[in-house]
Amino acid sequence: MKPAALMLLLPAALLTACTGLGAPTSAELSRLPVVRYGQAAPADRDFILLYPAGVDLPVNTQVTGSLLSKTDQSTLTVRVKQDVLIYRDQVSFDGSTWFNGRDKISGNIRFSLPGQEPGHPAGRLDGVSPATLAAQFDLR
């Protein structure tokens, strides 16, 4: 077999093998430690990460780059309305029932430059609007 063909087949074979792994069972997940956000994770094993309801969760934002003579950063805080537990691509709201995260939570990130009209799909310029960097997360 030619080396180029082998290079194409190897990733395909690995991806096919990974699809058979499937999601962890509830029994497997029940054996994992739960780590609240802000606590140190166990260094030697998998764990479930808990975002507790009502607890401040920091979101670091920054604007940098070689184009800019002044850069800036800020830390925002958000809170989830209910407990959210995550493990890999799985999510749970009660620690017992688990779902594929994409089936339960959706997200959207928006960006506009200074002087672009907010929300305009073609990015129409208005010359006065501030730049926007926004993230939205919703339950499905």
C-alpha atoms as a PDB file:
ATOM      1  CA  MET A   1       0.000   0.000   0.000  1.00  0.00           C
ATOM      2  CA  LYS A   2       1.291   3.484  -0.827  1.00  0.00           C
ATOM      3  CA  PRO A   3       2.231   5.715   2.120  1.00  0.00           C
ATOM      4  CA  ALA A   4      -0.270   8.410   1.035  1.00  0.00           C
ATOM      5  CA  ALA A   5      -3.151   5.925   1.052  1.00  0.00           C
ATOM      6  CA  LEU A   6      -2.077   4.646   4.465  1.00  0.00           C
ATOM      7  CA  MET A   7      -2.047   8.212   5.826  1.00  0.00           C
ATOM      8  CA  LEU A   8      -5.679   8.600   4.727  1.00  0.00           C
ATOM      9  CA  LEU A   9      -6.850   5.235   6.045  1.00  0.00           C
ATOM     10  CA  LEU A  10      -5.262   5.474   9.492  1.00  0.00           C
ATOM     11  CA  PRO A  11      -7.262   8.518  10.713  1.00  0.00           C
ATOM     12  CA  ALA A  12     -10.472   7.043   9.279  1.00  0.00           C
ATOM     13  CA  ALA A  13      -9.862   3.762  11.103  1.00  0.00           C
ATOM     14  CA  LEU A  14      -9.142   5.566  14.382  1.00  0.00           C
ATOM     15  CA  LEU A  15     -12.298   7.669  14.093  1.00  0.00           C
ATOM     16  CA  THR A  16     -14.368   4.579  13.374  1.00  0.00           C
ATOM     17  CA  ALA A  17     -12.952   2.851  16.443  1.00  0.00           C
ATOM     18  CA  CYS A  18     -13.739   5.854  18.653  1.00  0.00           C
ATOM     19  CA  THR A  19     -17.387   5.991  17.592  1.00  0.00           C
ATOM     20  CA  GLY A  20     -17.959   2.579  19.137  1.00  0.00           C
ATOM     21  CA  LEU A  21     -16.855   3.710  22.581  1.00  0.00           C
ATOM     22  CA  GLY A  22     -20.214   5.333  23.354  1.00  0.00           C
ATOM     23  CA  ALA A  23     -21.274   7.343  26.352  1.00  0.00           C
ATOM     24  CA  PRO A  24     -20.372   6.178  29.860  1.00  0.00           C
ATOM     25  CA  THR A  25     -23.089   4.365  31.790  1.00  0.00           C
ATOM     26  CA  SER A  26     -24.764   5.814  34.872  1.00  0.00           C
ATOM     27  CA  ALA A  27     -22.970   3.173  36.960  1.00  0.00           C
ATOM     28  CA  GLU A  28     -19.580   4.279  35.593  1.00  0.00           C
ATOM     29  CA  LEU A  29     -20.403   7.927  36.231  1.00  0.00           C
ATOM     30  CA  SER A  30     -21.581   7.219  39.790  1.00  0.00           C
ATOM     31  CA  ARG A  31     -18.065   5.988  40.651  1.00  0.00           C
ATOM     32  CA  LEU A  32     -16.391   9.242  39.593  1.00  0.00           C
ATOM     33  CA  PRO A  33     -15.650  11.986  42.120  1.00  0.00           C
ATOM     34  CA  VAL A  34     -17.599  15.238  41.757  1.00  0.00           C
ATOM     35  CA  VAL A  35     -15.463  18.382  41.877  1.00  0.00           C
ATOM     36  CA  ARG A  36     -17.166  21.740  42.473  1.00  0.00           C
ATOM     37  CA  TYR A  37     -15.899  24.512  40.227  1.00  0.00           C
ATOM     38  CA  GLY A  38     -13.077  26.271  42.089  1.00  0.00           C
ATOM     39  CA  GLN A  39     -11.777  23.129  43.797  1.00  0.00           C
ATOM     40  CA  ALA A  40      -8.634  21.365  42.638  1.00  0.00           C
ATOM     41  CA  ALA A  41      -9.218  18.444  40.290  1.00  0.00           C
ATOM     42  CA  PRO A  42      -7.770  15.037  41.159  1.00  0.00           C
ATOM     43  CA  ALA A  43      -4.492  14.721  39.292  1.00  0.00           C
ATOM     44  CA  ASP A  44      -4.651  11.007  38.665  1.00  0.00           C
ATOM     45  CA  ARG A  45      -8.216  10.293  37.511  1.00  0.00           C
ATOM     46  CA  ASP A  46     -11.329  11.407  35.679  1.00  0.00           C
ATOM     47  CA  PHE A  47     -13.930  13.465  37.512  1.00  0.00           C
ATOM     48  CA  ILE A  48     -17.285  15.153  37.057  1.00  0.00           C
ATOM     49  CA  LEU A  49     -17.228  18.957  37.171  1.00  0.00           C
ATOM     50  CA  LEU A  50     -20.100  20.674  39.013  1.00  0.00           C
ATOM     51  CA  TYR A  51     -21.163  24.245  38.282  1.00  0.00           C
ATOM     52  CA  PRO A  52     -23.315  24.908  41.382  1.00  0.00           C
ATOM     53  CA  ALA A  53     -26.469  27.002  41.021  1.00  0.00           C
ATOM     54  CA  GLY A  54     -26.099  30.582  42.215  1.00  0.00           C
ATOM     55  CA  VAL A  55     -22.296  30.539  42.500  1.00  0.00           C
ATOM     56  CA  ASP A  56     -20.237  33.170  40.659  1.00  0.00           C
ATOM     57  CA  LEU A  57     -18.376  31.689  37.685  1.00  0.00           C
ATOM     58  CA  PRO A  58     -15.612  33.914  36.284  1.00  0.00           C
ATOM     59  CA  VAL A  59     -15.329  34.562  32.545  1.00  0.00           C
ATOM     60  CA  ASN A  60     -12.062  36.190  31.497  1.00  0.00           C
ATOM     61  CA  THR A  61     -12.271  38.447  28.446  1.00  0.00           C
ATOM     62  CA  GLN A  62      -9.432  40.136  26.637  1.00  0.00           C
ATOM     63  CA  VAL A  63      -8.724  42.063  23.470  1.00  0.00           C
ATOM     64  CA  THR A  64      -5.100  41.938  22.322  1.00  0.00           C
ATOM     65  CA  GLY A  65      -3.046  41.944  19.153  1.00  0.00           C
ATOM     66  CA  SER A  66      -0.238  43.605  17.256  1.00  0.00           C
ATOM     67  CA  LEU A  67      -2.686  46.028  15.593  1.00  0.00           C
ATOM     68  CA  LEU A  68      -3.554  47.638  18.918  1.00  0.00           C
ATOM     69  CA  SER A  69      -1.591  50.266  20.866  1.00  0.00           C
ATOM     70  CA  LYS A  70      -3.801  49.684  23.938  1.00  0.00           C
ATOM     71  CA  THR A  71      -5.159  46.306  24.953  1.00  0.00           C
ATOM     72  CA  ASP A  72      -7.550  45.464  27.761  1.00  0.00           C
ATOM     73  CA  GLN A  73      -8.970  42.615  29.758  1.00  0.00           C
ATOM     74  CA  SER A  74     -11.771  42.151  32.226  1.00  0.00           C
ATOM     75  CA  THR A  75     -13.325  39.412  34.309  1.00  0.00           C
ATOM     76  CA  LEU A  76     -17.086  39.033  34.169  1.00  0.00           C
ATOM     77  CA  THR A  77     -19.083  36.804  36.494  1.00  0.00           C
ATOM     78  CA  VAL A  78     -22.105  34.711  35.601  1.00  0.00           C
ATOM     79  CA  ARG A  79     -24.243  32.212  37.534  1.00  0.00           C
ATOM     80  CA  VAL A  80     -26.141  29.150  36.377  1.00  0.00           C
ATOM     81  CA  LYS A  81     -29.791  28.881  37.462  1.00  0.00           C
ATOM     82  CA  GLN A  82     -29.511  25.220  38.401  1.00  0.00           C
ATOM     83  CA  ASP A  83     -26.713  22.777  39.140  1.00  0.00           C
ATOM     84  CA  VAL A  84     -24.942  21.676  35.965  1.00  0.00           C
ATOM     85  CA  LEU A  85     -22.661  18.627  36.017  1.00  0.00           C
ATOM     86  CA  ILE A  86     -20.402  17.845  33.082  1.00  0.00           C
ATOM     87  CA  TYR A  87     -18.268  14.889  32.128  1.00  0.00           C
ATOM     88  CA  ARG A  88     -16.625  14.953  28.719  1.00  0.00           C
ATOM     89  CA  ASP A  89     -19.526  15.601  26.323  1.00  0.00           C
ATOM     90  CA  GLN A  90     -22.201  14.535  28.830  1.00  0.00           C
ATOM     91  CA  VAL A  91     -24.354  16.834  30.987  1.00  0.00           C
ATOM     92  CA  SER A  92     -26.669  16.245  33.937  1.00  0.00           C
ATOM     93  CA  PHE A  93     -28.843  18.544  36.018  1.00  0.00           C
ATOM     94  CA  ASP A  94     -29.451  16.084  38.860  1.00  0.00           C
ATOM     95  CA  GLY A  95     -26.377  13.819  38.869  1.00  0.00           C
ATOM     96  CA  SER A  96     -28.471  10.780  37.932  1.00  0.00           C
ATOM     97  CA  THR A  97     -29.770  11.297  34.408  1.00  0.00           C
ATOM     98  CA  TRP A  98     -27.127  12.078  31.787  1.00  0.00           C
ATOM     99  CA  PHE A  99     -27.493  13.445  28.261  1.00  0.00           C
ATOM    100  CA  ASN A 100     -25.296  14.415  25.352  1.00  0.00           C
ATOM    101  CA  GLY A 101     -24.498  18.041  26.124  1.00  0.00           C
ATOM    102  CA  ARG A 102     -25.426  19.257  22.636  1.00  0.00           C
ATOM    103  CA  ASP A 103     -28.930  17.858  23.140  1.00  0.00           C
ATOM    104  CA  LYS A 104     -29.558  19.948  26.275  1.00  0.00           C
ATOM    105  CA  ILE A 105     -27.485  23.134  25.962  1.00  0.00           C
ATOM    106  CA  SER A 106     -26.980  25.409  22.969  1.00  0.00           C
ATOM    107  CA  GLY A 107     -24.540  28.250  22.594  1.00  0.00           C
ATOM    108  CA  ASN A 108     -23.968  31.221  20.345  1.00  0.00           C
ATOM    109  CA  ILE A 109     -21.029  33.626  20.148  1.00  0.00           C
ATOM    110  CA  ARG A 110     -21.367  36.986  18.376  1.00  0.00           C
ATOM    111  CA  PHE A 111     -18.671  39.462  17.437  1.00  0.00           C
ATOM    112  CA  SER A 112     -18.778  42.852  15.733  1.00  0.00           C
ATOM    113  CA  LEU A 113     -16.154  45.525  15.132  1.00  0.00           C
ATOM    114  CA  PRO A 114     -16.398  49.116  16.385  1.00  0.00           C
ATOM    115  CA  GLY A 115     -18.634  51.027  13.994  1.00  0.00           C
ATOM    116  CA  GLN A 116     -20.677  48.016  12.862  1.00  0.00           C
ATOM    117  CA  GLU A 117     -24.428  48.100  13.383  1.00  0.00           C
ATOM    118  CA  PRO A 118     -25.273  45.518  16.077  1.00  0.00           C
ATOM    119  CA  GLY A 119     -27.230  42.524  14.862  1.00  0.00           C
ATOM    120  CA  HIS A 120     -27.114  43.448  11.187  1.00  0.00           C
ATOM    121  CA  PRO A 121     -26.382  40.199   9.294  1.00  0.00           C
ATOM    122  CA  ALA A 122     -24.176  41.886   6.688  1.00  0.00           C
ATOM    123  CA  GLY A 123     -22.225  43.866   9.288  1.00  0.00           C
ATOM    124  CA  ARG A 124     -23.462  47.221   7.959  1.00  0.00           C
ATOM    125  CA  LEU A 125     -21.301  50.109   9.174  1.00  0.00           C
ATOM    126  CA  ASP A 126     -22.894  52.908  11.191  1.00  0.00           C
ATOM    127  CA  GLY A 127     -19.693  54.555  12.416  1.00  0.00           C
ATOM    128  CA  VAL A 128     -20.784  54.865  16.067  1.00  0.00           C
ATOM    129  CA  SER A 129     -21.621  51.494  17.628  1.00  0.00           C
ATOM    130  CA  PRO A 130     -19.124  49.948  20.051  1.00  0.00           C
ATOM    131  CA  ALA A 131     -17.619  46.556  19.306  1.00  0.00           C
ATOM    132  CA  THR A 132     -19.558  43.585  20.615  1.00  0.00           C
ATOM    133  CA  LEU A 133     -18.339  40.267  21.948  1.00  0.00           C
ATOM    134  CA  ALA A 134     -21.285  38.289  23.291  1.00  0.00           C
ATOM    135  CA  ALA A 135     -21.900  34.701  24.334  1.00  0.00           C
ATOM    136  CA  GLN A 136     -25.335  33.186  24.874  1.00  0.00           C
ATOM    137  CA  PHE A 137     -26.090  29.797  26.451  1.00  0.00           C
ATOM    138  CA  ASP A 138     -29.593  28.332  26.500  1.00  0.00           C
ATOM    139  CA  LEU A 139     -31.305  25.175  27.634  1.00  0.00           C
ATOM    140  CA  ARG A 140     -32.861  23.242  24.778  1.00  0.00           C
END
